[in-house]
C-alpha atoms as a PDB file:
ATOM      1  CA  MET A   1      18.904  15.437 -36.987  1.00  0.00           C
ATOM      2  CA  ARG A   2      16.261  13.069 -37.945  1.00  0.00           C
ATOM      3  CA  GLN A   3      18.188  10.051 -36.684  1.00  0.00           C
ATOM      4  CA  VAL A   4      18.892  11.941 -33.309  1.00  0.00           C
ATOM      5  CA  SER A   5      15.112  12.711 -33.013  1.00  0.00           C
ATOM      6  CA  ARG A   6      14.347   9.081 -33.680  1.00  0.00           C
ATOM      7  CA  ASP A   7      16.839   7.788 -31.015  1.00  0.00           C
ATOM      8  CA  ARG A   8      15.554  10.171 -28.566  1.00  0.00           C
ATOM      9  CA  LEU A   9      11.890   9.134 -29.213  1.00  0.00           C
ATOM     10  CA  VAL A  10      12.825   5.492 -28.838  1.00  0.00           C
ATOM     11  CA  SER A  11      14.654   6.329 -25.540  1.00  0.00           C
ATOM     12  CA  ILE A  12      11.573   8.145 -24.174  1.00  0.00           C
ATOM     13  CA  LEU A  13       9.293   5.254 -25.166  1.00  0.00           C
ATOM     14  CA  LEU A  14      11.656   2.756 -23.462  1.00  0.00           C
ATOM     15  CA  ILE A  15      11.551   4.606 -20.016  1.00  0.00           C
ATOM     16  CA  ILE A  16       7.848   5.571 -20.099  1.00  0.00           C
ATOM     17  CA  PRO A  17       6.647   2.160 -18.689  1.00  0.00           C
ATOM     18  CA  SER A  18       9.233   2.440 -15.813  1.00  0.00           C
ATOM     19  CA  VAL A  19       8.196   6.073 -15.089  1.00  0.00           C
ATOM     20  CA  ILE A  20       4.437   5.114 -15.064  1.00  0.00           C
ATOM     21  CA  LEU A  21       5.090   2.070 -12.761  1.00  0.00           C
ATOM     22  CA  ILE A  22       7.369   4.021 -10.362  1.00  0.00           C
ATOM     23  CA  GLY A  23       4.640   6.825 -10.381  1.00  0.00           C
ATOM     24  CA  VAL A  24       1.952   4.675  -9.502  1.00  0.00           C
ATOM     25  CA  PHE A  25       3.507   2.051  -7.187  1.00  0.00           C
ATOM     26  CA  VAL A  26       5.936   4.429  -5.389  1.00  0.00           C
ATOM     27  CA  TYR A  27       4.922   7.953  -5.379  1.00  0.00           C
ATOM     28  CA  GLY A  28       1.111   7.058  -5.986  1.00  0.00           C
ATOM     29  CA  PHE A  29       1.217   4.676  -2.829  1.00  0.00           C
ATOM     30  CA  ILE A  30       3.080   7.250  -0.867  1.00  0.00           C
ATOM     31  CA  GLY A  31       0.483   9.945  -1.605  1.00  0.00           C
ATOM     32  CA  PHE A  32      -2.323   7.473  -0.707  1.00  0.00           C
ATOM     33  CA  THR A  33      -0.757   6.707   2.556  1.00  0.00           C
ATOM     34  CA  GLY A  34      -0.336  10.343   3.250  1.00  0.00           C
ATOM     35  CA  TYR A  35      -3.982  10.866   2.602  1.00  0.00           C
ATOM     36  CA  ALA A  36      -5.056   7.813   4.622  1.00  0.00           C
ATOM     37  CA  SER A  37      -3.069   9.157   7.613  1.00  0.00           C
ATOM     38  CA  MET A  38      -5.459  12.117   7.661  1.00  0.00           C
ATOM     39  CA  THR A  39      -8.671  10.245   7.821  1.00  0.00           C
ATOM     40  CA  LYS A  40     -10.706   8.251  10.336  1.00  0.00           C
ATOM     41  CA  TRP A  41      -9.881   4.892   8.791  1.00  0.00           C
ATOM     42  CA  ALA A  42      -9.713   2.794  12.055  1.00  0.00           C
ATOM     43  CA  SER A  43     -11.492  -0.425  10.977  1.00  0.00           C
ATOM     44  CA  LEU A  44     -11.566  -2.930   8.158  1.00  0.00           C
ATOM     45  CA  THR A  45     -14.162  -0.779   6.516  1.00  0.00           C
ATOM     46  CA  PRO A  46     -12.514   2.224   4.808  1.00  0.00           C
ATOM     47  CA  ASP A  47     -13.551   5.655   6.308  1.00  0.00           C
ATOM     48  CA  PHE A  48     -12.076   8.449   4.394  1.00  0.00           C
ATOM     49  CA  THR A  49     -13.515  11.244   6.611  1.00  0.00           C
ATOM     50  CA  PHE A  50     -10.813  13.994   6.720  1.00  0.00           C
ATOM     51  CA  VAL A  51      -9.474  14.780  10.260  1.00  0.00           C
ATOM     52  CA  GLY A  52      -6.237  16.539   9.301  1.00  0.00           C
ATOM     53  CA  PHE A  53      -3.238  15.990  11.527  1.00  0.00           C
ATOM     54  CA  GLN A  54      -5.276  14.432  14.442  1.00  0.00           C
ATOM     55  CA  ASN A  55      -3.740  11.090  14.045  1.00  0.00           C
ATOM     56  CA  TYR A  56      -0.150  12.547  14.235  1.00  0.00           C
ATOM     57  CA  ALA A  57      -1.047  14.668  17.316  1.00  0.00           C
ATOM     58  CA  LYS A  58      -2.527  11.486  18.911  1.00  0.00           C
ATOM     59  CA  LEU A  59       0.573   9.522  18.164  1.00  0.00           C
ATOM     60  CA  PHE A  60       2.771  11.731  20.422  1.00  0.00           C
ATOM     61  CA  THR A  61       0.395  11.149  23.342  1.00  0.00           C
ATOM     62  CA  ILE A  62       0.765   7.300  23.006  1.00  0.00           C
ATOM     63  CA  ASP A  63       3.294   5.838  25.375  1.00  0.00           C
ATOM     64  CA  ARG A  64       4.342   2.979  23.108  1.00  0.00           C
ATOM     65  CA  PHE A  65       5.084   5.310  20.232  1.00  0.00           C
ATOM     66  CA  LEU A  66       7.335   7.500  22.198  1.00  0.00           C
ATOM     67  CA  ILE A  67       8.992   4.415  23.666  1.00  0.00           C
ATOM     68  CA  SER A  68       9.541   3.006  20.194  1.00  0.00           C
ATOM     69  CA  MET A  69      11.053   6.282  19.034  1.00  0.00           C
ATOM     70  CA  ARG A  70      13.401   6.294  22.017  1.00  0.00           C
ATOM     71  CA  ASN A  71      14.561   2.676  21.214  1.00  0.00           C
ATOM     72  CA  THR A  72      15.167   3.766  17.507  1.00  0.00           C
ATOM     73  CA  VAL A  73      17.404   6.623  18.605  1.00  0.00           C
ATOM     74  CA  ASN A  74      19.238   4.236  21.090  1.00  0.00           C
ATOM     75  CA  PHE A  75      19.589   1.419  18.422  1.00  0.00           C
ATOM     76  CA  THR A  76      20.638   3.986  15.668  1.00  0.00           C
ATOM     77  CA  VAL A  77      23.420   5.605  17.729  1.00  0.00           C
ATOM     78  CA  LEU A  78      24.930   2.434  19.067  1.00  0.00           C
ATOM     79  CA  PHE A  79      24.520   0.552  15.672  1.00  0.00           C
ATOM     80  CA  LEU A  80      26.232   3.314  13.751  1.00  0.00           C
ATOM     81  CA  ALA A  81      29.097   3.782  16.396  1.00  0.00           C
ATOM     82  CA  ALA A  82      29.646  -0.127  16.532  1.00  0.00           C
ATOM     83  CA  CYS A  83      29.661  -0.625  12.845  1.00  0.00           C
ATOM     84  CA  LEU A  84      31.905   2.255  12.009  1.00  0.00           C
ATOM     85  CA  ILE A  85      34.475   1.532  14.642  1.00  0.00           C
ATOM     86  CA  LEU A  86      34.535  -2.291  14.161  1.00  0.00           C
ATOM     87  CA  GLY A  87      34.539  -1.822  10.323  1.00  0.00           C
ATOM     88  CA  LEU A  88      37.364   0.634  10.471  1.00  0.00           C
ATOM     89  CA  VAL A  89      39.446  -1.718  12.810  1.00  0.00           C
ATOM     90  CA  LEU A  90      38.875  -4.704  10.588  1.00  0.00           C
ATOM     91  CA  ALA A  91      39.816  -2.734   7.307  1.00  0.00           C
ATOM     92  CA  LEU A  92      42.965  -1.446   9.033  1.00  0.00           C
ATOM     93  CA  LEU A  93      44.008  -4.903   9.965  1.00  0.00           C
ATOM     94  CA  LEU A  94      43.307  -6.245   6.434  1.00  0.00           C
ATOM     95  CA  ASP A  95      45.150  -3.375   4.994  1.00  0.00           C
ATOM     96  CA  GLN A  96      48.341  -4.630   6.429  1.00  0.00           C
ATOM     97  CA  LYS A  97      48.311  -7.272   3.790  1.00  0.00           C
ATOM     98  CA  VAL A  98      48.092 -10.092   6.244  1.00  0.00           C
ATOM     99  CA  LYS A  99      48.601 -13.629   4.957  1.00  0.00           C
ATOM    100  CA  GLY A 100      45.062 -15.119   4.046  1.00  0.00           C
ATOM    101  CA  GLU A 101      43.571 -11.739   3.565  1.00  0.00           C
ATOM    102  CA  ALA A 102      41.042 -13.065   1.106  1.00  0.00           C
ATOM    103  CA  VAL A 103      39.812 -15.743   3.447  1.00  0.00           C
ATOM    104  CA  PHE A 104      39.397 -13.257   6.389  1.00  0.00           C
ATOM    105  CA  ARG A 105      37.729 -10.811   3.945  1.00  0.00           C
ATOM    106  CA  SER A 106      35.243 -13.577   2.963  1.00  0.00           C
ATOM    107  CA  ILE A 107      34.564 -14.446   6.513  1.00  0.00           C
ATOM    108  CA  PHE A 108      33.808 -10.871   7.599  1.00  0.00           C
ATOM    109  CA  LEU A 109      31.546 -10.380   4.482  1.00  0.00           C
ATOM    110  CA  PHE A 110      29.725 -13.751   5.056  1.00  0.00           C
ATOM    111  CA  PRO A 111      26.987 -12.354   7.340  1.00  0.00           C
ATOM    112  CA  MET A 112      25.905  -9.952   4.512  1.00  0.00           C
ATOM    113  CA  ALA A 113      24.691 -12.991   2.590  1.00  0.00           C
ATOM    114  CA  ILE A 114      22.151 -13.756   5.384  1.00  0.00           C
ATOM    115  CA  SER A 115      18.803 -11.923   5.791  1.00  0.00           C
ATOM    116  CA  PHE A 116      18.002 -10.099   8.945  1.00  0.00           C
ATOM    117  CA  ILE A 117      15.177 -12.779   9.682  1.00  0.00           C
ATOM    118  CA  VAL A 118      17.870 -15.465   9.780  1.00  0.00           C
ATOM    119  CA  THR A 119      20.252 -13.274  11.818  1.00  0.00           C
ATOM    120  CA  GLY A 120      17.359 -12.556  14.313  1.00  0.00           C
ATOM    121  CA  VAL A 121      16.572 -16.273  14.764  1.00  0.00           C
ATOM    122  CA  VAL A 122      20.161 -17.199  15.418  1.00  0.00           C
ATOM    123  CA  TRP A 123      20.960 -14.424  17.836  1.00  0.00           C
ATOM    124  CA  ARG A 124      17.538 -15.048  19.596  1.00  0.00           C
ATOM    125  CA  TRP A 125      19.036 -18.551  20.568  1.00  0.00           C
ATOM    126  CA  LEU A 126      22.570 -17.218  21.247  1.00  0.00           C
ATOM    127  CA  LEU A 127      21.242 -14.449  23.558  1.00  0.00           C
ATOM    128  CA  ASN A 128      18.523 -16.407  25.202  1.00  0.00           C
ATOM    129  CA  PRO A 129      19.168 -15.980  28.930  1.00  0.00           C
ATOM    130  CA  GLY A 130      17.499 -19.272  29.933  1.00  0.00           C
ATOM    131  CA  THR A 131      15.074 -20.154  32.710  1.00  0.00           C
ATOM    132  CA  MET A 132      15.336 -21.159  36.343  1.00  0.00           C
ATOM    133  CA  GLN A 133      14.083 -24.667  35.331  1.00  0.00           C
ATOM    134  CA  THR A 134      16.415 -25.149  32.262  1.00  0.00           C
ATOM    135  CA  GLY A 135      19.417 -23.197  33.453  1.00  0.00           C
ATOM    136  CA  SER A 136      21.506 -20.904  31.259  1.00  0.00           C
ATOM    137  CA  SER A 137      21.821 -21.227  27.513  1.00  0.00           C
ATOM    138  CA  GLY A 138      23.530 -19.670  24.612  1.00  0.00           C
ATOM    139  CA  VAL A 139      26.085 -16.876  25.431  1.00  0.00           C
ATOM    140  CA  ASN A 140      25.161 -17.100  29.116  1.00  0.00           C
ATOM    141  CA  LEU A 141      25.998 -20.818  29.173  1.00  0.00           C
ATOM    142  CA  LEU A 142      29.403 -20.115  27.460  1.00  0.00           C
ATOM    143  CA  PHE A 143      30.152 -17.417  30.209  1.00  0.00           C
ATOM    144  CA  GLU A 144      29.472 -20.134  32.923  1.00  0.00           C
ATOM    145  CA  LYS A 145      31.711 -22.726  31.296  1.00  0.00           C
ATOM    146  CA  LEU A 146      34.503 -20.208  31.052  1.00  0.00           C
ATOM    147  CA  GLY A 147      34.149 -19.211  34.744  1.00  0.00           C
ATOM    148  CA  LEU A 148      32.645 -15.754  34.007  1.00  0.00           C
ATOM    149  CA  PRO A 149      29.143 -16.043  35.537  1.00  0.00           C
ATOM    150  CA  PHE A 150      29.256 -12.307  36.335  1.00  0.00           C
ATOM    151  CA  LEU A 151      28.971 -11.636  32.686  1.00  0.00           C
ATOM    152  CA  ARG A 152      25.564 -13.245  32.376  1.00  0.00           C
ATOM    153  CA  SER A 153      22.689 -11.013  31.359  1.00  0.00           C
ATOM    154  CA  LYS A 154      18.972 -10.956  30.686  1.00  0.00           C
ATOM    155  CA  TRP A 155      19.667  -9.656  27.186  1.00  0.00           C
ATOM    156  CA  PHE A 156      16.482  -8.779  25.234  1.00  0.00           C
ATOM    157  CA  THR A 157      14.326  -9.852  28.164  1.00  0.00           C
ATOM    158  CA  ASP A 158      15.669  -7.017  30.413  1.00  0.00           C
ATOM    159  CA  PRO A 159      13.013  -4.283  30.758  1.00  0.00           C
ATOM    160  CA  THR A 160      15.540  -1.899  32.490  1.00  0.00           C
ATOM    161  CA  VAL A 161      15.597   1.644  31.206  1.00  0.00           C
ATOM    162  CA  ILE A 162      18.459   3.972  32.414  1.00  0.00           C
ATOM    163  CA  TYR A 163      17.346   7.584  32.618  1.00  0.00           C
ATOM    164  CA  ILE A 164      17.862  10.681  34.798  1.00  0.00           C
ATOM    165  CA  ARG A 165      15.313  10.315  37.596  1.00  0.00           C
ATOM    166  CA  PRO A 166      13.567  13.589  38.677  1.00  0.00           C
ATOM    167  CA  GLU A 167      14.234  12.974  42.333  1.00  0.00           C
ATOM    168  CA  THR A 168      17.922  12.988  41.884  1.00  0.00           C
ATOM    169  CA  ALA A 169      20.179  16.138  42.194  1.00  0.00           C
ATOM    170  CA  VAL A 170      20.594  16.259  38.543  1.00  0.00           C
ATOM    171  CA  GLY A 171      16.990  15.797  37.829  1.00  0.00           C
ATOM    172  CA  GLN A 172      15.997  18.486  40.354  1.00  0.00           C
ATOM    173  CA  PHE A 173      18.537  20.873  38.688  1.00  0.00           C
ATOM    174  CA  LEU A 174      17.182  20.165  35.201  1.00  0.00           C
ATOM    175  CA  ASN A 175      13.668  20.709  36.594  1.00  0.00           C
ATOM    176  CA  ASN A 176      14.672  24.045  38.085  1.00  0.00           C
ATOM    177  CA  ILE A 177      16.075  25.387  34.644  1.00  0.00           C
ATOM    178  CA  GLY A 178      12.920  24.335  32.783  1.00  0.00           C
ATOM    179  CA  LEU A 179      14.422  21.036  31.363  1.00  0.00           C
ATOM    180  CA  GLY A 180      12.410  18.690  33.430  1.00  0.00           C
ATOM    181  CA  TRP A 181      11.103  16.971  30.301  1.00  0.00           C
ATOM    182  CA  ILE A 182      14.656  15.208  30.077  1.00  0.00           C
ATOM    183  CA  THR A 183      13.948  13.290  33.249  1.00  0.00           C
ATOM    184  CA  THR A 184      11.448  11.007  31.625  1.00  0.00           C
ATOM    185  CA  PRO A 185      11.982   7.240  30.545  1.00  0.00           C
ATOM    186  CA  TYR A 186      11.284   8.451  26.948  1.00  0.00           C
ATOM    187  CA  ILE A 187      14.801  10.189  27.007  1.00  0.00           C
ATOM    188  CA  GLY A 188      16.507   7.148  28.417  1.00  0.00           C
ATOM    189  CA  PHE A 189      18.269   4.153  27.300  1.00  0.00           C
ATOM    190  CA  SER A 190      16.731   0.695  26.980  1.00  0.00           C
ATOM    191  CA  VAL A 191      19.252  -2.021  28.029  1.00  0.00           C
ATOM    192  CA  ALA A 192      17.395  -4.686  25.848  1.00  0.00           C
ATOM    193  CA  VAL A 193      18.323  -2.745  22.768  1.00  0.00           C
ATOM    194  CA  ILE A 194      21.907  -3.873  23.138  1.00  0.00           C
ATOM    195  CA  SER A 195      20.809  -7.289  21.995  1.00  0.00           C
ATOM    196  CA  LEU A 196      19.530  -5.850  18.719  1.00  0.00           C
ATOM    197  CA  VAL A 197      22.736  -3.917  18.335  1.00  0.00           C
ATOM    198  CA  ILE A 198      24.925  -6.904  18.681  1.00  0.00           C
ATOM    199  CA  ALA A 199      22.995  -8.897  16.110  1.00  0.00           C
ATOM    200  CA  ALA A 200      22.776  -5.954  13.610  1.00  0.00           C
ATOM    201  CA  THR A 201      26.435  -5.074  14.046  1.00  0.00           C
ATOM    202  CA  TRP A 202      27.431  -8.800  13.498  1.00  0.00           C
ATOM    203  CA  GLN A 203      25.632  -8.605  10.101  1.00  0.00           C
ATOM    204  CA  MET A 204      26.599  -5.168   8.897  1.00  0.00           C
ATOM    205  CA  SER A 205      30.254  -4.467  10.243  1.00  0.00           C
ATOM    206  CA  GLY A 206      31.673  -6.667   7.379  1.00  0.00           C
ATOM    207  CA  TYR A 207      29.909  -4.373   4.776  1.00  0.00           C
ATOM    208  CA  THR A 208      31.398  -1.404   6.552  1.00  0.00           C
ATOM    209  CA  MET A 209      34.727  -3.050   6.624  1.00  0.00           C
ATOM    210  CA  ALA A 210      34.596  -3.521   2.856  1.00  0.00           C
ATOM    211  CA  MET A 211      33.850   0.191   2.307  1.00  0.00           C
ATOM    212  CA  TYR A 212      36.677   1.300   4.462  1.00  0.00           C
ATOM    213  CA  LEU A 213      39.041  -1.249   2.864  1.00  0.00           C
ATOM    214  CA  ALA A 214      38.203   0.061  -0.637  1.00  0.00           C
ATOM    215  CA  GLY A 215      38.933   3.554   0.684  1.00  0.00           C
ATOM    216  CA  LEU A 216      42.256   2.626   2.155  1.00  0.00           C
ATOM    217  CA  ARG A 217      43.404   0.869  -0.927  1.00  0.00           C
ATOM    218  CA  ALA A 218      42.637   3.982  -2.878  1.00  0.00           C
ATOM    219  CA  VAL A 219      45.072   6.218  -0.743  1.00  0.00           C
ATOM    220  CA  PRO A 220      48.432   6.363  -2.655  1.00  0.00           C
ATOM    221  CA  ASP A 221      51.382   4.701  -0.813  1.00  0.00           C
ATOM    222  CA  GLU A 222      53.397   7.741  -1.551  1.00  0.00           C
ATOM    223  CA  LEU A 223      51.421   9.799   0.921  1.00  0.00           C
ATOM    224  CA  ARG A 224      52.162   7.293   3.760  1.00  0.00           C
ATOM    225  CA  GLU A 225      55.807   6.972   2.941  1.00  0.00           C
ATOM    226  CA  ALA A 226      56.213  10.778   2.799  1.00  0.00           C
ATOM    227  CA  ALA A 227      54.652  11.007   6.215  1.00  0.00           C
ATOM    228  CA  ARG A 228      56.867   8.381   7.563  1.00  0.00           C
ATOM    229  CA  VAL A 229      59.952  10.083   6.096  1.00  0.00           C
ATOM    230  CA  ASP A 230      58.728  13.295   7.908  1.00  0.00           C
ATOM    231  CA  GLY A 231      58.840  11.313  11.233  1.00  0.00           C
ATOM    232  CA  ALA A 232      55.071  10.599  11.587  1.00  0.00           C
ATOM    233  CA  ASN A 233      54.082   7.387  13.329  1.00  0.00           C
ATOM    234  CA  GLU A 234      51.290   5.100  12.317  1.00  0.00           C
ATOM    235  CA  PHE A 235      48.786   6.647  14.640  1.00  0.00           C
ATOM    236  CA  GLN A 236      49.586  10.124  13.311  1.00  0.00           C
ATOM    237  CA  ILE A 237      49.272   8.852   9.715  1.00  0.00           C
ATOM    238  CA  LEU A 238      45.893   7.380  10.672  1.00  0.00           C
ATOM    239  CA  ARG A 239      44.688  10.545  12.319  1.00  0.00           C
ATOM    240  CA  HIS A 240      46.062  13.180   9.845  1.00  0.00           C
ATOM    241  CA  ILE A 241      46.088  11.468   6.518  1.00  0.00           C
ATOM    242  CA  LEU A 242      43.883   8.288   6.488  1.00  0.00           C
ATOM    243  CA  LEU A 243      40.769   9.513   8.474  1.00  0.00           C
ATOM    244  CA  PRO A 244      40.371  12.871   6.556  1.00  0.00           C
ATOM    245  CA  LEU A 245      40.703  10.884   3.227  1.00  0.00           C
ATOM    246  CA  LEU A 246      38.025   8.407   4.423  1.00  0.00           C
ATOM    247  CA  ARG A 247      35.408  11.051   5.375  1.00  0.00           C
ATOM    248  CA  PRO A 248      33.335  10.511   2.110  1.00  0.00           C
ATOM    249  CA  ILE A 249      33.366   6.755   2.956  1.00  0.00           C
ATOM    250  CA  THR A 250      32.235   7.463   6.546  1.00  0.00           C
ATOM    251  CA  LEU A 251      29.481   9.708   5.252  1.00  0.00           C
ATOM    252  CA  SER A 252      28.287   7.036   2.927  1.00  0.00           C
ATOM    253  CA  ALA A 253      28.316   4.330   5.518  1.00  0.00           C
ATOM    254  CA  VAL A 254      26.401   6.587   7.965  1.00  0.00           C
ATOM    255  CA  ILE A 255      23.694   7.310   5.333  1.00  0.00           C
ATOM    256  CA  ILE A 256      23.355   3.559   4.486  1.00  0.00           C
ATOM    257  CA  LEU A 257      23.510   2.336   7.935  1.00  0.00           C
ATOM    258  CA  GLY A 258      21.379   5.029   9.269  1.00  0.00           C
ATOM    259  CA  HIS A 259      18.455   4.422   6.846  1.00  0.00           C
ATOM    260  CA  ILE A 260      18.614   0.640   7.710  1.00  0.00           C
ATOM    261  CA  SER A 261      18.398   1.354  11.389  1.00  0.00           C
ATOM    262  CA  LEU A 262      15.581   3.911  11.241  1.00  0.00           C
ATOM    263  CA  LYS A 263      13.263   1.492   9.368  1.00  0.00           C
ATOM    264  CA  ILE A 264      14.412  -1.713  11.064  1.00  0.00           C
ATOM    265  CA  PHE A 265      11.699  -4.273  11.227  1.00  0.00           C
ATOM    266  CA  ASP A 266      12.653  -7.849  10.314  1.00  0.00           C
ATOM    267  CA  LEU A 267      15.376  -8.201  12.867  1.00  0.00           C
ATOM    268  CA  VAL A 268      12.944  -7.213  15.628  1.00  0.00           C
ATOM    269  CA  VAL A 269      10.239  -9.501  14.351  1.00  0.00           C
ATOM    270  CA  SER A 270      12.381 -12.595  14.327  1.00  0.00           C
ATOM    271  CA  MET A 271      14.462 -11.857  17.329  1.00  0.00           C
ATOM    272  CA  THR A 272      12.656 -10.135  20.154  1.00  0.00           C
ATOM    273  CA  GLY A 273       9.276  -8.621  19.197  1.00  0.00           C
ATOM    274  CA  PRO A 274       8.220  -5.495  21.104  1.00  0.00           C
ATOM    275  CA  GLY A 275      10.049  -7.063  24.244  1.00  0.00           C
ATOM    276  CA  PRO A 276       9.051  -6.688  27.901  1.00  0.00           C
ATOM    277  CA  ALA A 277       7.406  -3.302  28.509  1.00  0.00           C
ATOM    278  CA  PHE A 278       8.156  -2.497  24.882  1.00  0.00           C
ATOM    279  CA  ALA A 279      11.926  -2.515  25.687  1.00  0.00           C
ATOM    280  CA  THR A 280      12.838  -3.451  22.028  1.00  0.00           C
ATOM    281  CA  ASP A 281       9.777  -2.010  20.162  1.00  0.00           C
ATOM    282  CA  VAL A 282      10.465   0.200  17.091  1.00  0.00           C
ATOM    283  CA  PRO A 283       8.139   2.415  14.965  1.00  0.00           C
ATOM    284  CA  ALA A 284       8.092  -0.012  12.061  1.00  0.00           C
ATOM    285  CA  PHE A 285       6.931  -2.824  14.393  1.00  0.00           C
ATOM    286  CA  PHE A 286       4.384  -0.624  16.096  1.00  0.00           C
ATOM    287  CA  MET A 287       3.110   0.469  12.531  1.00  0.00           C
ATOM    288  CA  TRP A 288       2.684  -3.266  11.560  1.00  0.00           C
ATOM    289  CA  ASP A 289       1.025  -3.987  14.859  1.00  0.00           C
ATOM    290  CA  THR A 290      -1.351  -1.073  14.577  1.00  0.00           C
ATOM    291  CA  THR A 291      -2.283  -1.556  11.052  1.00  0.00           C
ATOM    292  CA  PHE A 292      -2.753  -5.415  10.623  1.00  0.00           C
ATOM    293  CA  ARG A 293      -3.442  -6.371  14.114  1.00  0.00           C
ATOM    294  CA  GLY A 294      -5.407  -3.406  15.438  1.00  0.00           C
ATOM    295  CA  ASN A 295      -6.977  -2.577  11.992  1.00  0.00           C
ATOM    296  CA  ASN A 296      -6.265   1.155  12.654  1.00  0.00           C
ATOM    297  CA  PHE A 297      -5.174   1.920   9.103  1.00  0.00           C
ATOM    298  CA  ALA A 298      -5.177   5.646   9.602  1.00  0.00           C
ATOM    299  CA  GLN A 299      -2.823   5.595  12.608  1.00  0.00           C
ATOM    300  CA  GLY A 300      -0.519   2.979  10.888  1.00  0.00           C
ATOM    301  CA  ALA A 301      -0.224   5.306   7.838  1.00  0.00           C
ATOM    302  CA  ALA A 302       0.643   8.209  10.035  1.00  0.00           C
ATOM    303  CA  ILE A 303       3.492   6.161  11.647  1.00  0.00           C
ATOM    304  CA  ALA A 304       4.525   5.165   8.118  1.00  0.00           C
ATOM    305  CA  ILE A 305       4.769   8.847   7.056  1.00  0.00           C
ATOM    306  CA  ILE A 306       6.723   9.700  10.140  1.00  0.00           C
ATOM    307  CA  LEU A 307       9.253   6.967   9.259  1.00  0.00           C
ATOM    308  CA  LEU A 308       9.351   8.312   5.566  1.00  0.00           C
ATOM    309  CA  ILE A 309      10.191  11.766   6.904  1.00  0.00           C
ATOM    310  CA  MET A 310      12.912  10.442   9.255  1.00  0.00           C
ATOM    311  CA  VAL A 311      14.606   8.590   6.471  1.00  0.00           C
ATOM    312  CA  ALA A 312      14.229  11.590   4.094  1.00  0.00           C
ATOM    313  CA  VAL A 313      15.790  13.956   6.615  1.00  0.00           C
ATOM    314  CA  LEU A 314      18.835  11.569   6.520  1.00  0.00           C
ATOM    315  CA  VAL A 315      19.000  10.635   2.810  1.00  0.00           C
ATOM    316  CA  VAL A 316      17.890  13.781   0.913  1.00  0.00           C
ATOM    317  CA  PRO A 317      20.806  16.042   2.140  1.00  0.00           C
ATOM    318  CA  TYR A 318      23.223  13.371   1.247  1.00  0.00           C
ATOM    319  CA  LEU A 319      21.682  13.002  -2.313  1.00  0.00           C
ATOM    320  CA  ARG A 320      21.844  16.800  -2.822  1.00  0.00           C
ATOM    321  CA  TYR A 321      25.538  16.815  -1.584  1.00  0.00           C
ATOM    322  CA  THR A 322      26.381  13.949  -3.931  1.00  0.00           C
ATOM    323  CA  ASN A 323      24.726  15.650  -6.828  1.00  0.00           C
ATOM    324  CA  ARG A 324      26.520  18.973  -6.060  1.00  0.00           C
ATOM    325  CA  GLN A 325      29.890  17.164  -5.955  1.00  0.00           C
ATOM    326  CA  GLU A 326      29.173  15.373  -9.251  1.00  0.00           C
ATOM    327  CA  ALA A 327      28.254  18.710 -10.946  1.00  0.00           C
ATOM    328  CA  GLU A 328      31.484  20.374  -9.655  1.00  0.00           C
ATOM    329  CA  LEU A 329      33.482  17.641 -11.298  1.00  0.00           C
END
């Protein structure tokens, strides 16, 4: 018993420094940010006059914040869909035990070794639409050389927002049933976000492929062979056997990619910035702009807390689900 107590004491002493550091530099700073978001701190000189949730209420009256939230939703939906579909397709192809699988696997995973900053710089050049003086460049130049000029695009310089206009028949119908708020650009789709999605998918689809490939390799071959004996074709095997067994992998991928997309910052900074008419602006970039350029620390802290809540809404249920599954095992 004395030895057990001594080992327990040593274990506690070993983790105390980490607990203190995490408590101060993680939860302590989160608490300070939350408090700062409820003050009048709007200059280099701290002003901790308590104003409650005024900064939060003000954010939802600022066009740029609403636009950045729309762009985040656009980016998250497209990014998740593209990574999941492309990652699954690549994993299914590699699962056929093709010749040179290790080489292809390394090629698909290579972008993971690059930071989002480098990815943004590279894709900023590739998707640069060019100018009237210099002509097309990057991907647009490739389209011209291939005889496909109709595929040229403005990419991240395109300020177009697709949304239901209130003067259309659909818009008037929505207005008549009390859903007129849907007919605003804040509920629309920013075309420029597609450029960010392409760059982010290029970097993260290989990671999704690796997750799905690991899941596919964990499926016993006996299940597939039994299904084939029963007359199932490959599509039916995929639909009724593989996809259901891959649901935990899909959930994990959604959580990981989702939290990356919600707090995306470095890719936007290096590739597009806020874009024309804030077409590629995101809350994290707006937070940085507000805090360190505008010196409005209280409003920047409010944006940070909103981002934290968004990520928590995605991650916390997953953590609870995972802990419950482990407890059942």
